[in-house]
Every structure is written in C-alpha cells, then in structure tokens.
C-alpha atoms as a PDB file:
ATOM      1  CA  UNK A   1      28.390-114.338  -8.946  1.00  0.00           C
ATOM      2  CA  UNK A   2      31.561-112.918 -10.518  1.00  0.00           C
ATOM      3  CA  UNK A   3      32.133-109.323 -11.480  1.00  0.00           C
ATOM      4  CA  UNK A   4      34.420-109.010 -14.434  1.00  0.00           C
ATOM      5  CA  UNK A   5      36.050-105.591 -14.616  1.00  0.00           C
ATOM      6  CA  UNK A   6      38.240-106.654 -17.581  1.00  0.00           C
ATOM      7  CA  UNK A   7      41.282-104.576 -18.263  1.00  0.00           C
ATOM      8  CA  UNK A   8      41.623-102.122 -15.381  1.00  0.00           C
ATOM      9  CA  UNK A   9      43.615 -99.703 -17.594  1.00  0.00           C
ATOM     10  CA  UNK A  10      40.178 -98.584 -18.907  1.00  0.00           C
ATOM     11  CA  UNK A  11      38.727 -95.699 -16.833  1.00  0.00           C
ATOM     12  CA  UNK A  12      35.321 -97.348 -16.443  1.00  0.00           C
ATOM     13  CA  UNK A  13      36.696-100.608 -15.240  1.00  0.00           C
ATOM     14  CA  UNK A  14      38.978 -98.930 -12.731  1.00  0.00           C
ATOM     15  CA  UNK A  15      35.994 -96.957 -11.472  1.00  0.00           C
ATOM     16  CA  UNK A  16      34.101-100.201 -10.965  1.00  0.00           C
ATOM     17  CA  UNK A  17      36.902-101.767  -8.991  1.00  0.00           C
ATOM     18  CA  UNK A  18      37.264 -98.694  -6.779  1.00  0.00           C
ATOM     19  CA  UNK A  19      33.504 -98.634  -6.280  1.00  0.00           C
ATOM     20  CA  UNK A  20      33.541-102.253  -5.186  1.00  0.00           C
ATOM     21  CA  UNK A  21      36.127-101.495  -2.537  1.00  0.00           C
ATOM     22  CA  UNK A  22      34.111 -98.503  -1.408  1.00  0.00           C
ATOM     23  CA  UNK A  23      31.015-100.777  -1.067  1.00  0.00           C
ATOM     24  CA  UNK A  24      33.008-103.260   0.911  1.00  0.00           C
ATOM     25  CA  UNK A  25      34.340-100.516   3.213  1.00  0.00           C
ATOM     26  CA  UNK A  26      30.745 -99.270   3.763  1.00  0.00           C
ATOM     27  CA  UNK A  27      29.663-102.756   4.908  1.00  0.00           C
ATOM     28  CA  UNK A  28      32.647-102.949   7.328  1.00  0.00           C
ATOM     29  CA  UNK A  29      31.878 -99.458   8.715  1.00  0.00           C
ATOM     30  CA  UNK A  30      28.169-100.307   9.119  1.00  0.00           C
ATOM     31  CA  UNK A  31      29.127-103.487  11.020  1.00  0.00           C
ATOM     32  CA  UNK A  32      31.368-101.540  13.342  1.00  0.00           C
ATOM     33  CA  UNK A  33      28.674 -98.868  13.887  1.00  0.00           C
ATOM     34  CA  UNK A  34      26.100-101.553  14.715  1.00  0.00           C
ATOM     35  CA  UNK A  35      28.393-103.013  17.411  1.00  0.00           C
ATOM     36  CA  UNK A  36      29.121 -99.567  18.872  1.00  0.00           C
ATOM     37  CA  UNK A  37      25.467 -98.640  18.983  1.00  0.00           C
ATOM     38  CA  UNK A  38      24.699-102.023  20.544  1.00  0.00           C
ATOM     39  CA  UNK A  39      27.178-101.345  23.310  1.00  0.00           C
ATOM     40  CA  UNK A  40      25.644 -97.907  23.884  1.00  0.00           C
ATOM     41  CA  UNK A  41      22.230 -99.515  24.449  1.00  0.00           C
ATOM     42  CA  UNK A  42      23.389-102.368  26.643  1.00  0.00           C
ATOM     43  CA  UNK A  43      26.507-104.528  27.047  1.00  0.00           C
ATOM     44  CA  UNK A  44      24.687-107.722  25.931  1.00  0.00           C
ATOM     45  CA  UNK A  45      23.398-106.033  22.750  1.00  0.00           C
ATOM     46  CA  UNK A  46      26.968-105.081  21.836  1.00  0.00           C
ATOM     47  CA  UNK A  47      28.198-108.605  22.298  1.00  0.00           C
ATOM     48  CA  UNK A  48      25.301-110.058  20.368  1.00  0.00           C
ATOM     49  CA  UNK A  49      25.844-107.645  17.485  1.00  0.00           C
ATOM     50  CA  UNK A  50      29.517-108.529  17.526  1.00  0.00           C
ATOM     51  CA  UNK A  51      29.265-112.299  17.578  1.00  0.00           C
ATOM     52  CA  UNK A  52      25.750-113.294  16.318  1.00  0.00           C
ATOM     53  CA  UNK A  53      24.899-111.434  13.105  1.00  0.00           C
ATOM     54  CA  UNK A  54      21.109-112.091  13.011  1.00  0.00           C
ATOM     55  CA  UNK A  55      20.905-110.073  16.193  1.00  0.00           C
ATOM     56  CA  UNK A  56      21.660-107.002  14.089  1.00  0.00           C
ATOM     57  CA  UNK A  57      18.296-107.413  12.476  1.00  0.00           C
ATOM     58  CA  UNK A  58      16.478-107.674  15.836  1.00  0.00           C
ATOM     59  CA  UNK A  59      18.438-104.673  17.070  1.00  0.00           C
ATOM     60  CA  UNK A  60      17.491-102.613  14.054  1.00  0.00           C
ATOM     61  CA  UNK A  61      13.813-103.478  14.585  1.00  0.00           C
ATOM     62  CA  UNK A  62      13.750-102.961  18.302  1.00  0.00           C
ATOM     63  CA  UNK A  63      15.981 -99.754  18.398  1.00  0.00           C
ATOM     64  CA  UNK A  64      15.297 -97.873  15.177  1.00  0.00           C
ATOM     65  CA  UNK A  65      16.615 -94.618  16.427  1.00  0.00           C
ATOM     66  CA  UNK A  66      19.924 -96.006  17.476  1.00  0.00           C
ATOM     67  CA  UNK A  67      20.340 -98.060  14.284  1.00  0.00           C
ATOM     68  CA  UNK A  68      19.507 -95.219  11.904  1.00  0.00           C
ATOM     69  CA  UNK A  69      23.138 -94.241  10.971  1.00  0.00           C
ATOM     70  CA  UNK A  70      24.398 -97.835  10.531  1.00  0.00           C
ATOM     71  CA  UNK A  71      21.415 -98.645   8.345  1.00  0.00           C
ATOM     72  CA  UNK A  72      22.044 -95.613   6.127  1.00  0.00           C
ATOM     73  CA  UNK A  73      25.697 -96.634   5.667  1.00  0.00           C
ATOM     74  CA  UNK A  74      24.671-100.232   4.954  1.00  0.00           C
ATOM     75  CA  UNK A  75      22.059 -99.018   2.494  1.00  0.00           C
ATOM     76  CA  UNK A  76      24.662 -96.903   0.698  1.00  0.00           C
ATOM     77  CA  UNK A  77      26.961 -99.940   0.348  1.00  0.00           C
ATOM     78  CA  UNK A  78      24.146-102.211  -0.796  1.00  0.00           C
ATOM     79  CA  UNK A  79      22.964 -99.678  -3.406  1.00  0.00           C
ATOM     80  CA  UNK A  80      26.475 -99.243  -4.743  1.00  0.00           C
ATOM     81  CA  UNK A  81      26.951-103.017  -4.935  1.00  0.00           C
ATOM     82  CA  UNK A  82      23.670-103.509  -6.750  1.00  0.00           C
ATOM     83  CA  UNK A  83      24.625-100.803  -9.220  1.00  0.00           C
ATOM     84  CA  UNK A  84      27.891-102.541  -9.830  1.00  0.00           C
ATOM     85  CA  UNK A  85      26.147-105.863 -10.487  1.00  0.00           C
ATOM     86  CA  UNK A  86      23.876-104.076 -12.988  1.00  0.00           C
ATOM     87  CA  UNK A  87      26.541-102.266 -14.938  1.00  0.00           C
ATOM     88  CA  UNK A  88      29.300-104.880 -14.902  1.00  0.00           C
ATOM     89  CA  UNK A  89      27.275-108.019 -15.615  1.00  0.00           C
ATOM     90  CA  UNK A  90      28.326-110.383 -18.399  1.00  0.00           C
END
C-alpha cells in the first residue's frame, strides 16, 4: 500500500501530500479526543483508551454521546484517506 504522489512540483501532487498529512493529523486529534473523553467518563476508561486501543471501540459503543466528536474527526480523516487512495492509485 504505497501512495505515489510523483513530482510534488505539480499542484495536484502537492495537494495530495498535504491532504495525507491532514488525514494523519485528524487521526492523532481523534485519538487524543478519545483519551480526554475517556478520562471525563472515568479514570479507568481514560487509561484504557490511552494504552489499549481496542477499548476505544468498546467506549464508542457504550458511550455514544461522549464519543460523538472523536468519531466525527476520525471519520473525516478516514474519508480523506480513502479519497487519497482512490485518486492517487497506480
């Protein structure tokens, strides 16, 4: 799974590279938001979201109201990344 942006002096290729970094940033922000929301619910949920990544799925199912914003940010990043894979495939 390798995205080839080619020569980044082309405007479209540079846009793809910047979009990839924005998607990566969205995933990082969503992870931080999940940890923060976990600590707001309970100390143990915060630690679980921080150290055990499958607990994020359980947290999102059990506390949908608290995980609404992190899921929206994660969905934005995932949508952007899937669009990049579609437009910049070989």
